[in-house]
C-alpha atoms as a PDB file:
ATOM      1  CA  UNK A   1     118.535 105.258 126.847  1.00  0.00           C
ATOM      2  CA  UNK A   2     121.420 103.311 128.400  1.00  0.00           C
ATOM      3  CA  UNK A   3     123.106 100.873 126.042  1.00  0.00           C
ATOM      4  CA  UNK A   4     122.268  97.682 127.941  1.00  0.00           C
ATOM      5  CA  UNK A   5     122.065  94.172 126.496  1.00  0.00           C
ATOM      6  CA  UNK A   6     118.303  94.564 125.996  1.00  0.00           C
ATOM      7  CA  UNK A   7     118.845  97.830 124.166  1.00  0.00           C
ATOM      8  CA  UNK A   8     121.508  96.203 122.021  1.00  0.00           C
ATOM      9  CA  UNK A   9     119.066  93.500 120.899  1.00  0.00           C
ATOM     10  CA  UNK A  10     116.429  96.181 120.288  1.00  0.00           C
ATOM     11  CA  UNK A  11     118.762  98.207 118.055  1.00  0.00           C
ATOM     12  CA  UNK A  12     119.892  95.109 116.152  1.00  0.00           C
ATOM     13  CA  UNK A  13     116.296  93.937 115.694  1.00  0.00           C
ATOM     14  CA  UNK A  14     115.126  97.370 114.595  1.00  0.00           C
ATOM     15  CA  UNK A  15     117.930  97.765 112.032  1.00  0.00           C
ATOM     16  CA  UNK A  16     117.314  94.221 110.766  1.00  0.00           C
ATOM     17  CA  UNK A  17     113.628  94.972 110.210  1.00  0.00           C
ATOM     18  CA  UNK A  18     114.535  98.175 108.355  1.00  0.00           C
ATOM     19  CA  UNK A  19     116.865  96.195 106.104  1.00  0.00           C
ATOM     20  CA  UNK A  20     114.183  93.575 105.409  1.00  0.00           C
ATOM     21  CA  UNK A  21     111.646  96.292 104.624  1.00  0.00           C
ATOM     22  CA  UNK A  22     114.105  98.059 102.346  1.00  0.00           C
ATOM     23  CA  UNK A  23     114.971  94.857 100.486  1.00  0.00           C
ATOM     24  CA  UNK A  24     111.303  93.979  99.944  1.00  0.00           C
ATOM     25  CA  UNK A  25     110.687  97.404  98.426  1.00  0.00           C
ATOM     26  CA  UNK A  26     113.803  97.752  96.289  1.00  0.00           C
ATOM     27  CA  UNK A  27     114.366  94.227  94.976  1.00  0.00           C
ATOM     28  CA  UNK A  28     112.056  94.606  91.936  1.00  0.00           C
ATOM     29  CA  UNK A  29     111.321  98.323  91.980  1.00  0.00           C
ATOM     30  CA  UNK A  30     111.737  98.638  88.193  1.00  0.00           C
ATOM     31  CA  UNK A  31     109.724  95.546  87.282  1.00  0.00           C
ATOM     32  CA  UNK A  32     106.169  96.950  87.422  1.00  0.00           C
ATOM     33  CA  UNK A  33     105.150  99.162  84.455  1.00  0.00           C
ATOM     34  CA  UNK A  34     104.498 102.822  85.232  1.00  0.00           C
ATOM     35  CA  UNK A  35     100.853 103.424  86.132  1.00  0.00           C
ATOM     36  CA  UNK A  36      99.007 106.366  84.622  1.00  0.00           C
ATOM     37  CA  UNK A  37      98.963 108.104  88.008  1.00  0.00           C
ATOM     38  CA  UNK A  38     102.726 107.738  88.282  1.00  0.00           C
ATOM     39  CA  UNK A  39     103.242 109.036  84.745  1.00  0.00           C
ATOM     40  CA  UNK A  40     101.134 112.096  85.527  1.00  0.00           C
ATOM     41  CA  UNK A  41     103.246 112.886  88.582  1.00  0.00           C
ATOM     42  CA  UNK A  42     106.431 112.317  86.576  1.00  0.00           C
ATOM     43  CA  UNK A  43     105.233 114.778  83.934  1.00  0.00           C
ATOM     44  CA  UNK A  44     104.810 117.444  86.610  1.00  0.00           C
ATOM     45  CA  UNK A  45     108.384 116.782  87.696  1.00  0.00           C
ATOM     46  CA  UNK A  46     109.598 117.104  84.109  1.00  0.00           C
ATOM     47  CA  UNK A  47     108.046 120.574  83.847  1.00  0.00           C
ATOM     48  CA  UNK A  48     109.601 121.575  87.139  1.00  0.00           C
ATOM     49  CA  UNK A  49     113.007 120.015  86.443  1.00  0.00           C
ATOM     50  CA  UNK A  50     113.501 121.163  82.871  1.00  0.00           C
ATOM     51  CA  UNK A  51     111.573 124.429  82.657  1.00  0.00           C
ATOM     52  CA  UNK A  52     111.320 125.350  86.356  1.00  0.00           C
ATOM     53  CA  UNK A  53     107.579 125.636  85.825  1.00  0.00           C
ATOM     54  CA  UNK A  54     104.930 124.518  88.253  1.00  0.00           C
ATOM     55  CA  UNK A  55     101.645 126.095  89.233  1.00  0.00           C
ATOM     56  CA  UNK A  56      99.244 124.476  91.629  1.00  0.00           C
ATOM     57  CA  UNK A  57      96.075 123.179  89.987  1.00  0.00           C
ATOM     58  CA  UNK A  58      93.242 122.985  92.573  1.00  0.00           C
ATOM     59  CA  UNK A  59      91.189 120.544  90.478  1.00  0.00           C
ATOM     60  CA  UNK A  60      94.013 117.990  90.710  1.00  0.00           C
ATOM     61  CA  UNK A  61      93.502 117.592  94.488  1.00  0.00           C
ATOM     62  CA  UNK A  62      97.227 116.900  94.878  1.00  0.00           C
ATOM     63  CA  UNK A  63      99.698 119.259  96.489  1.00  0.00           C
ATOM     64  CA  UNK A  64     103.244 119.934  95.241  1.00  0.00           C
ATOM     65  CA  UNK A  65     105.384 118.284  97.928  1.00  0.00           C
ATOM     66  CA  UNK A  66     106.057 115.171  95.836  1.00  0.00           C
ATOM     67  CA  UNK A  67     107.456 117.240  92.976  1.00  0.00           C
ATOM     68  CA  UNK A  68     109.570 119.546  95.116  1.00  0.00           C
ATOM     69  CA  UNK A  69     110.955 116.594  97.081  1.00  0.00           C
ATOM     70  CA  UNK A  70     111.862 114.818  93.840  1.00  0.00           C
ATOM     71  CA  UNK A  71     114.158 117.587  92.572  1.00  0.00           C
ATOM     72  CA  UNK A  72     116.761 117.342  95.397  1.00  0.00           C
ATOM     73  CA  UNK A  73     116.283 113.565  95.396  1.00  0.00           C
ATOM     74  CA  UNK A  74     117.277 113.434  91.719  1.00  0.00           C
ATOM     75  CA  UNK A  75     120.308 115.607  92.416  1.00  0.00           C
ATOM     76  CA  UNK A  76     121.293 113.310  95.282  1.00  0.00           C
ATOM     77  CA  UNK A  77     121.042 110.294  92.947  1.00  0.00           C
ATOM     78  CA  UNK A  78     123.056 112.065  90.243  1.00  0.00           C
ATOM     79  CA  UNK A  79     120.203 112.380  87.740  1.00  0.00           C
ATOM     80  CA  UNK A  80     121.398 115.309  85.618  1.00  0.00           C
ATOM     81  CA  UNK A  81     118.376 115.538  83.312  1.00  0.00           C
ATOM     82  CA  UNK A  82     114.852 114.181  83.113  1.00  0.00           C
ATOM     83  CA  UNK A  83     115.720 111.956  80.136  1.00  0.00           C
ATOM     84  CA  UNK A  84     118.305 110.165  82.300  1.00  0.00           C
ATOM     85  CA  UNK A  85     115.714 109.213  84.912  1.00  0.00           C
ATOM     86  CA  UNK A  86     114.325 105.703  85.405  1.00  0.00           C
ATOM     87  CA  UNK A  87     111.401 104.234  87.307  1.00  0.00           C
ATOM     88  CA  UNK A  88     113.672 103.417  90.233  1.00  0.00           C
ATOM     89  CA  UNK A  89     114.681 107.063  90.587  1.00  0.00           C
ATOM     90  CA  UNK A  90     111.053 108.075  91.045  1.00  0.00           C
ATOM     91  CA  UNK A  91     109.899 105.138  93.141  1.00  0.00           C
ATOM     92  CA  UNK A  92     112.855 105.204  95.505  1.00  0.00           C
ATOM     93  CA  UNK A  93     111.614 108.547  96.882  1.00  0.00           C
ATOM     94  CA  UNK A  94     108.385 107.169  98.423  1.00  0.00           C
ATOM     95  CA  UNK A  95     110.446 104.168  99.566  1.00  0.00           C
ATOM     96  CA  UNK A  96     112.736 106.599 101.402  1.00  0.00           C
ATOM     97  CA  UNK A  97     109.722 108.207 103.068  1.00  0.00           C
ATOM     98  CA  UNK A  98     108.642 104.715 104.120  1.00  0.00           C
ATOM     99  CA  UNK A  99     111.989 104.421 105.920  1.00  0.00           C
ATOM    100  CA  UNK A 100     111.371 107.754 107.646  1.00  0.00           C
ATOM    101  CA  UNK A 101     107.913 106.533 108.676  1.00  0.00           C
ATOM    102  CA  UNK A 102     109.436 103.446 110.285  1.00  0.00           C
ATOM    103  CA  UNK A 103     111.989 105.583 112.137  1.00  0.00           C
ATOM    104  CA  UNK A 104     109.122 107.578 113.654  1.00  0.00           C
ATOM    105  CA  UNK A 105     108.385 104.560 115.818  1.00  0.00           C
ATOM    106  CA  UNK A 106     111.465 105.380 117.896  1.00  0.00           C
ATOM    107  CA  UNK A 107     109.705 108.514 119.124  1.00  0.00           C
ATOM    108  CA  UNK A 108     106.999 106.334 120.688  1.00  0.00           C
ATOM    109  CA  UNK A 109     109.222 103.858 122.520  1.00  0.00           C
ATOM    110  CA  UNK A 110     108.145 105.175 125.951  1.00  0.00           C
ATOM    111  CA  UNK A 111     104.498 104.704 124.948  1.00  0.00           C
ATOM    112  CA  UNK A 112     104.651 101.408 123.042  1.00  0.00           C
ATOM    113  CA  UNK A 113     107.728  99.866 124.752  1.00  0.00           C
ATOM    114  CA  UNK A 114     110.603  98.423 122.718  1.00  0.00           C
ATOM    115  CA  UNK A 115     108.611  95.284 121.945  1.00  0.00           C
ATOM    116  CA  UNK A 116     105.727  97.371 120.662  1.00  0.00           C
ATOM    117  CA  UNK A 117     108.042  99.441 118.432  1.00  0.00           C
ATOM    118  CA  UNK A 118     109.550  96.253 116.993  1.00  0.00           C
ATOM    119  CA  UNK A 119     106.073  94.866 116.263  1.00  0.00           C
ATOM    120  CA  UNK A 120     105.032  98.160 114.660  1.00  0.00           C
ATOM    121  CA  UNK A 121     108.166  98.148 112.497  1.00  0.00           C
ATOM    122  CA  UNK A 122     107.631  94.499 111.574  1.00  0.00           C
ATOM    123  CA  UNK A 123     104.085  95.176 110.380  1.00  0.00           C
ATOM    124  CA  UNK A 124     105.276  98.156 108.346  1.00  0.00           C
ATOM    125  CA  UNK A 125     108.193  96.213 106.870  1.00  0.00           C
ATOM    126  CA  UNK A 126     106.257  93.185 105.598  1.00  0.00           C
ATOM    127  CA  UNK A 127     102.787  94.622 104.913  1.00  0.00           C
ATOM    128  CA  UNK A 128     101.982  93.781 101.255  1.00  0.00           C
ATOM    129  CA  UNK A 129      99.924  96.950 100.763  1.00  0.00           C
ATOM    130  CA  UNK A 130     102.638  99.179 102.244  1.00  0.00           C
ATOM    131  CA  UNK A 131     105.333  97.470 100.164  1.00  0.00           C
ATOM    132  CA  UNK A 132     103.289  98.083  97.015  1.00  0.00           C
ATOM    133  CA  UNK A 133     102.388 101.703  97.703  1.00  0.00           C
ATOM    134  CA  UNK A 134     105.841 102.559  99.051  1.00  0.00           C
ATOM    135  CA  UNK A 135     107.158 101.899  95.544  1.00  0.00           C
ATOM    136  CA  UNK A 136     104.347 103.711  93.790  1.00  0.00           C
ATOM    137  CA  UNK A 137     105.261 107.227  92.667  1.00  0.00           C
ATOM    138  CA  UNK A 138     102.263 109.035  94.108  1.00  0.00           C
ATOM    139  CA  UNK A 139     101.652 111.189  97.184  1.00  0.00           C
ATOM    140  CA  UNK A 140     100.406 108.545  99.613  1.00  0.00           C
ATOM    141  CA  UNK A 141     103.747 107.538 101.172  1.00  0.00           C
ATOM    142  CA  UNK A 142     104.584 111.184 101.851  1.00  0.00           C
ATOM    143  CA  UNK A 143     101.161 111.672 103.403  1.00  0.00           C
ATOM    144  CA  UNK A 144     101.533 108.607 105.633  1.00  0.00           C
ATOM    145  CA  UNK A 145     104.926 109.849 106.815  1.00  0.00           C
ATOM    146  CA  UNK A 146     103.683 113.338 107.627  1.00  0.00           C
ATOM    147  CA  UNK A 147     100.627 111.991 109.488  1.00  0.00           C
ATOM    148  CA  UNK A 148     102.834 109.614 111.489  1.00  0.00           C
ATOM    149  CA  UNK A 149     105.405 112.289 112.300  1.00  0.00           C
ATOM    150  CA  UNK A 150     102.584 114.664 113.245  1.00  0.00           C
ATOM    151  CA  UNK A 151     101.259 112.193 115.814  1.00  0.00           C
ATOM    152  CA  UNK A 152     104.736 111.389 117.140  1.00  0.00           C
ATOM    153  CA  UNK A 153     105.650 115.076 117.474  1.00  0.00           C
ATOM    154  CA  UNK A 154     102.449 115.802 119.395  1.00  0.00           C
ATOM    155  CA  UNK A 155     103.207 112.903 121.721  1.00  0.00           C
ATOM    156  CA  UNK A 156     106.755 114.126 122.342  1.00  0.00           C
ATOM    157  CA  UNK A 157     105.451 117.619 123.097  1.00  0.00           C
ATOM    158  CA  UNK A 158     102.877 116.149 125.483  1.00  0.00           C
ATOM    159  CA  UNK A 159     105.672 114.285 127.318  1.00  0.00           C
ATOM    160  CA  UNK A 160     108.607 116.728 127.098  1.00  0.00           C
ATOM    161  CA  UNK A 161     106.762 120.068 126.775  1.00  0.00           C
ATOM    162  CA  UNK A 162     109.529 121.349 124.498  1.00  0.00           C
ATOM    163  CA  UNK A 163     108.545 123.983 121.938  1.00  0.00           C
ATOM    164  CA  UNK A 164     110.712 122.231 119.355  1.00  0.00           C
ATOM    165  CA  UNK A 165     108.217 119.386 119.082  1.00  0.00           C
ATOM    166  CA  UNK A 166     105.130 121.556 118.635  1.00  0.00           C
ATOM    167  CA  UNK A 167     106.915 123.454 115.849  1.00  0.00           C
ATOM    168  CA  UNK A 168     107.664 120.130 114.133  1.00  0.00           C
ATOM    169  CA  UNK A 169     104.049 119.048 114.634  1.00  0.00           C
ATOM    170  CA  UNK A 170     102.846 122.234 112.959  1.00  0.00           C
ATOM    171  CA  UNK A 171     105.321 121.801 110.106  1.00  0.00           C
ATOM    172  CA  UNK A 172     104.052 118.229 109.661  1.00  0.00           C
ATOM    173  CA  UNK A 173     100.482 119.477 109.464  1.00  0.00           C
ATOM    174  CA  UNK A 174     101.517 122.017 106.817  1.00  0.00           C
ATOM    175  CA  UNK A 175     103.320 119.276 104.901  1.00  0.00           C
ATOM    176  CA  UNK A 176     100.208 117.091 105.085  1.00  0.00           C
ATOM    177  CA  UNK A 177      98.082 119.906 103.668  1.00  0.00           C
ATOM    178  CA  UNK A 178     100.636 120.561 100.910  1.00  0.00           C
ATOM    179  CA  UNK A 179     100.730 116.861  99.996  1.00  0.00           C
ATOM    180  CA  UNK A 180      97.048 116.030  99.501  1.00  0.00           C
ATOM    181  CA  UNK A 181      93.925 118.037 100.179  1.00  0.00           C
ATOM    182  CA  UNK A 182      92.297 114.837 101.425  1.00  0.00           C
ATOM    183  CA  UNK A 183      94.490 115.110 104.536  1.00  0.00           C
ATOM    184  CA  UNK A 184      91.317 116.289 106.290  1.00  0.00           C
ATOM    185  CA  UNK A 185      90.191 112.638 106.390  1.00  0.00           C
ATOM    186  CA  UNK A 186      93.312 111.771 108.389  1.00  0.00           C
ATOM    187  CA  UNK A 187      92.767 114.728 110.714  1.00  0.00           C
ATOM    188  CA  UNK A 188      89.151 113.670 111.353  1.00  0.00           C
ATOM    189  CA  UNK A 189      90.281 110.099 112.078  1.00  0.00           C
ATOM    190  CA  UNK A 190      93.018 111.339 114.445  1.00  0.00           C
ATOM    191  CA  UNK A 191      90.628 113.597 116.336  1.00  0.00           C
ATOM    192  CA  UNK A 192      88.085 110.814 116.683  1.00  0.00           C
ATOM    193  CA  UNK A 193      90.640 108.194 117.751  1.00  0.00           C
ATOM    194  CA  UNK A 194      92.448 110.616 120.067  1.00  0.00           C
ATOM    195  CA  UNK A 195      89.227 111.739 121.686  1.00  0.00           C
ATOM    196  CA  UNK A 196      88.220 108.148 122.422  1.00  0.00           C
ATOM    197  CA  UNK A 197      91.664 106.951 123.516  1.00  0.00           C
ATOM    198  CA  UNK A 198      92.613 109.926 125.698  1.00  0.00           C
ATOM    199  CA  UNK A 199      89.175 111.056 126.859  1.00  0.00           C
ATOM    200  CA  UNK A 200      90.297 110.834 130.496  1.00  0.00           C
ATOM    201  CA  UNK A 201      93.174 113.241 129.763  1.00  0.00           C
ATOM    202  CA  UNK A 202      91.168 115.880 127.862  1.00  0.00           C
ATOM    203  CA  UNK A 203      90.735 118.059 130.949  1.00  0.00           C
ATOM    204  CA  UNK A 204      94.488 117.990 131.556  1.00  0.00           C
ATOM    205  CA  UNK A 205      95.104 118.966 127.933  1.00  0.00           C
ATOM    206  CA  UNK A 206      92.747 121.950 128.256  1.00  0.00           C
ATOM    207  CA  UNK A 207      94.520 123.083 131.430  1.00  0.00           C
ATOM    208  CA  UNK A 208      97.936 122.830 129.763  1.00  0.00           C
ATOM    209  CA  UNK A 209      96.890 124.934 126.771  1.00  0.00           C
ATOM    210  CA  UNK A 210      99.191 127.927 126.257  1.00  0.00           C
ATOM    211  CA  UNK A 211      99.146 130.674 123.664  1.00  0.00           C
ATOM    212  CA  UNK A 212     102.835 130.489 122.703  1.00  0.00           C
ATOM    213  CA  UNK A 213     102.831 126.789 121.670  1.00  0.00           C
ATOM    214  CA  UNK A 214      99.510 127.290 119.856  1.00  0.00           C
ATOM    215  CA  UNK A 215     100.922 130.203 117.845  1.00  0.00           C
ATOM    216  CA  UNK A 216     104.116 128.281 117.053  1.00  0.00           C
ATOM    217  CA  UNK A 217     102.017 125.351 115.889  1.00  0.00           C
ATOM    218  CA  UNK A 218      99.765 127.509 113.707  1.00  0.00           C
ATOM    219  CA  UNK A 219     102.474 129.592 112.059  1.00  0.00           C
ATOM    220  CA  UNK A 220     104.827 126.672 111.367  1.00  0.00           C
ATOM    221  CA  UNK A 221     101.942 124.865 109.630  1.00  0.00           C
ATOM    222  CA  UNK A 222     100.988 128.008 107.720  1.00  0.00           C
ATOM    223  CA  UNK A 223     104.545 128.747 106.566  1.00  0.00           C
ATOM    224  CA  UNK A 224     105.184 125.230 105.245  1.00  0.00           C
ATOM    225  CA  UNK A 225     101.854 125.048 103.432  1.00  0.00           C
ATOM    226  CA  UNK A 226     102.153 128.517 101.893  1.00  0.00           C
ATOM    227  CA  UNK A 227     105.734 127.932 100.723  1.00  0.00           C
ATOM    228  CA  UNK A 228     104.805 124.757  98.849  1.00  0.00           C
ATOM    229  CA  UNK A 229     101.482 125.885  97.396  1.00  0.00           C
ATOM    230  CA  UNK A 230     102.905 129.226  96.230  1.00  0.00           C
ATOM    231  CA  UNK A 231     105.883 127.490  94.546  1.00  0.00           C
ATOM    232  CA  UNK A 232     108.085 129.079  97.201  1.00  0.00           C
ATOM    233  CA  UNK A 233     106.425 132.486  96.776  1.00  0.00           C
ATOM    234  CA  UNK A 234     106.842 132.587  92.984  1.00  0.00           C
ATOM    235  CA  UNK A 235     103.053 132.134  92.514  1.00  0.00           C
ATOM    236  CA  UNK A 236     101.525 134.014  95.473  1.00  0.00           C
END
């Protein structure tokens, strides 16, 4: 992308929308009392942070990505112990994933155009439901990010045909699975929407199928999912 005047306005507008979205999420992040769901997730983090203990519980229907993402996030924020943590420390993590979700729009600029990316970012930045759930310490913001990045990575592979993107798409699928078991609802919706939207390109997709990208996709998804669910191989 050449840095023309139009691109300059696009970059300024995009950064401005990110700042507005960040301010709306962080301005009163400590104000709302902790919900029971948030407290349950925080308890899991306490066990992992203080005792290095976590074992996946299938009946919970939640994967471990939120907890394992929180540990380095706490270290980055300088939280030395669980007792030193505050609501903002927990809730700022899903807010960070909301920022990553917005950045995914840049991967679709050739599909949506710059105006479309700005509109997409605007809707994400000011959506009341997204603002609320992006400061809610549960798995949903991580799931939304991984679904979005999954779609964007598939699009980039479709356009660029670089193996790098299909590996990232597979890793995103593994992250989705390790975040919430209900990710299958998102997959069903994506397949249905993709089939309807790109039905005229399905034959081209079948012709372009290759074993190497398919294997890279499968194994990158498998590795990410297995690492998280097995507590990084400590609970095989």
